[in-house]
Amino acid sequence: MPASAPGVPRWVWRTAAAVALAGFAISGYLSLKAFQGAPPVCLAGDCAEVAASPYARFLGVPMSAWGLVLYVAVAAVGATAGWGRSAPEWLPVAFLGLVAFGLTFSLYLVWIQVAVIDAVCSWCLASDGLWVVLLVLALLAVRRAG
């Protein structure tokens, strides 16, 4: 399969775009509920308590909306590199930085849920899992880029 950035197979970027779209869906649902002022439906945990906490917003914007922005950025990079003509050599490292930021912030929010709020949101944990998958893909891209 042809590579988009030197040495990085297109499937890596396309998979990253697909994972980011899943994150976009989760963040979109949580953002919609936050802007509606309604608690999200949670299959496990206590999403309503997490969503109602003072940590659920930053600068007046729901945390899920910030996640939405990050997922759009990741999806854009993945789609551009995965389906575009070519990607610059520096893209894998920049992508790793973007994903590392997203994962680090997600881990901080997990700590807030567990240590401060004492409630866990299953939607948030699903999003956190997607950041781990994105990190694996970003590391693979950097490794393949050489």
Protein backbone atom coordinates (compact mmCIF):
# COMPACT_ATOMS: atom_id res chain seq x y z
CA MET A 1 0.00 0.00 0.00
CA PRO A 2 1.43 3.42 -0.87
CA ALA A 3 2.73 5.66 1.87
CA SER A 4 1.52 9.21 2.41
CA ALA A 5 4.38 10.54 4.53
CA PRO A 6 7.67 8.81 3.83
CA GLY A 7 7.33 5.28 5.19
CA VAL A 8 3.89 5.70 6.81
CA PRO A 9 1.23 3.47 5.23
CA ARG A 10 -2.04 5.19 4.39
CA TRP A 11 -3.98 2.70 6.53
CA VAL A 12 -2.39 4.22 9.66
CA TRP A 13 -3.75 7.66 8.79
CA ARG A 14 -7.12 6.32 7.65
CA THR A 15 -7.52 4.31 10.84
CA ALA A 16 -6.65 7.40 12.88
CA ALA A 17 -9.31 9.35 10.99
CA ALA A 18 -11.91 6.64 11.68
CA VAL A 19 -11.02 6.49 15.39
CA ALA A 20 -11.22 10.28 15.57
CA LEU A 21 -14.68 10.15 13.98
CA ALA A 22 -15.80 7.77 16.74
CA GLY A 23 -14.43 10.26 19.28
CA PHE A 24 -16.22 13.05 17.44
CA ALA A 25 -19.49 11.13 17.81
CA ILE A 26 -18.98 10.65 21.56
CA SER A 27 -17.92 14.26 22.12
CA GLY A 28 -20.74 15.47 19.90
CA TYR A 29 -23.33 13.59 21.93
CA LEU A 30 -21.93 14.85 25.23
CA SER A 31 -21.69 18.41 23.88
CA LEU A 32 -25.28 18.31 22.66
CA LYS A 33 -26.46 17.17 26.08
CA ALA A 34 -24.34 19.84 27.80
CA PHE A 35 -25.73 22.64 25.63
CA GLN A 36 -29.26 21.30 26.17
CA GLY A 37 -28.65 21.27 29.92
CA ALA A 38 -29.69 17.62 30.03
CA PRO A 39 -27.71 14.78 31.61
CA PRO A 40 -26.31 12.22 29.17
CA VAL A 41 -27.73 8.73 29.21
CA CYS A 42 -25.05 6.59 30.83
CA LEU A 43 -24.84 2.81 30.55
CA ALA A 44 -22.46 2.56 33.50
CA GLY A 45 -21.07 4.98 36.03
CA ASP A 46 -22.53 8.37 36.82
CA CYS A 47 -22.30 10.58 33.76
CA ALA A 48 -24.88 13.00 35.17
CA GLU A 49 -22.76 13.72 38.24
CA VAL A 50 -19.62 14.21 36.16
CA ALA A 51 -21.49 16.47 33.71
CA ALA A 52 -22.90 18.56 36.57
CA SER A 53 -19.54 19.06 38.29
CA PRO A 54 -17.69 22.38 38.16
CA TYR A 55 -14.93 20.57 36.24
CA ALA A 56 -17.26 19.86 33.31
CA ARG A 57 -16.57 23.28 31.76
CA PHE A 58 -13.46 25.29 30.93
CA LEU A 59 -13.83 28.98 30.07
CA GLY A 60 -17.59 28.39 30.06
CA VAL A 61 -17.34 25.76 27.33
CA PRO A 62 -18.18 22.09 28.01
CA MET A 63 -15.11 19.85 28.15
CA SER A 64 -16.75 17.65 25.53
CA ALA A 65 -16.77 20.59 23.10
CA TRP A 66 -13.01 21.01 23.59
CA GLY A 67 -12.69 17.30 22.85
CA LEU A 68 -14.79 17.80 19.75
CA VAL A 69 -12.28 20.37 18.47
CA LEU A 70 -9.35 18.03 19.14
CA TYR A 71 -11.07 15.12 17.42
CA VAL A 72 -11.80 17.30 14.37
CA ALA A 73 -8.10 18.23 14.20
CA VAL A 74 -7.03 14.58 14.46
CA ALA A 75 -9.60 13.50 11.85
CA ALA A 76 -8.46 16.27 9.51
CA VAL A 77 -4.82 15.19 9.78
CA GLY A 78 -5.74 11.54 9.29
CA ALA A 79 -8.00 12.22 6.33
CA THR A 80 -5.56 14.60 4.66
CA ALA A 81 -2.62 12.23 5.02
CA GLY A 82 -4.68 9.11 4.35
CA TRP A 83 -6.48 10.23 1.23
CA GLY A 84 -4.42 13.21 0.07
CA ARG A 85 -1.57 13.20 -2.41
CA SER A 86 1.25 13.38 0.11
CA ALA A 87 2.01 14.50 3.64
CA PRO A 88 5.04 16.43 4.82
CA GLU A 89 7.83 14.56 6.57
CA TRP A 90 7.21 16.40 9.85
CA LEU A 91 3.54 15.37 10.04
CA PRO A 92 4.00 12.14 12.08
CA VAL A 93 5.83 14.02 14.85
CA ALA A 94 3.27 16.86 14.86
CA PHE A 95 0.49 14.27 14.92
CA LEU A 96 2.14 12.55 17.88
CA GLY A 97 2.25 15.88 19.70
CA LEU A 98 -1.44 16.54 19.06
CA VAL A 99 -2.44 13.06 20.20
CA ALA A 100 -0.15 13.21 23.25
CA PHE A 101 -1.85 16.46 24.27
CA GLY A 102 -5.30 14.90 23.87
CA LEU A 103 -4.35 11.81 25.86
CA THR A 104 -2.61 13.79 28.60
CA PHE A 105 -5.63 16.03 29.06
CA SER A 106 -7.93 13.00 29.04
CA LEU A 107 -5.85 11.32 31.75
CA TYR A 108 -6.06 14.51 33.81
CA LEU A 109 -9.85 14.42 33.47
CA VAL A 110 -9.91 10.74 34.52
CA TRP A 111 -7.96 11.73 37.63
CA ILE A 112 -10.52 14.50 38.30
CA GLN A 113 -13.36 11.99 37.97
CA VAL A 114 -11.80 9.42 40.27
CA ALA A 115 -10.00 11.55 42.87
CA VAL A 116 -12.09 14.71 43.03
CA ILE A 117 -15.64 14.08 41.80
CA ASP A 118 -15.72 10.43 42.94
CA ALA A 119 -17.85 9.52 39.93
CA VAL A 120 -16.96 8.09 36.54
CA CYS A 121 -18.57 8.72 33.16
CA SER A 122 -18.57 5.70 30.83
CA TRP A 123 -18.76 7.95 27.75
CA CYS A 124 -15.67 9.80 28.96
CA LEU A 125 -13.82 6.53 29.53
CA ALA A 126 -14.74 5.37 26.03
CA SER A 127 -13.25 8.60 24.67
CA ASP A 128 -10.14 8.06 26.80
CA GLY A 129 -9.75 4.60 25.28
CA LEU A 130 -9.87 6.13 21.81
CA TRP A 131 -7.00 8.47 22.75
CA VAL A 132 -4.94 5.42 23.71
CA VAL A 133 -5.64 3.86 20.30
CA LEU A 134 -4.69 7.14 18.63
CA LEU A 135 -1.44 7.20 20.60
CA VAL A 136 -0.55 3.72 19.34
CA LEU A 137 -1.26 4.85 15.76
CA ALA A 138 0.77 8.05 16.22
CA LEU A 139 3.73 6.10 17.61
CA LEU A 140 3.47 3.69 14.69
CA ALA A 141 3.47 6.63 12.26
CA VAL A 142 6.58 8.11 13.87
CA ARG A 143 8.32 4.74 13.88
CA ARG A 144 7.45 4.03 10.24
CA ALA A 145 8.55 7.52 9.21
CA GLY A 146 11.96 6.61 10.57
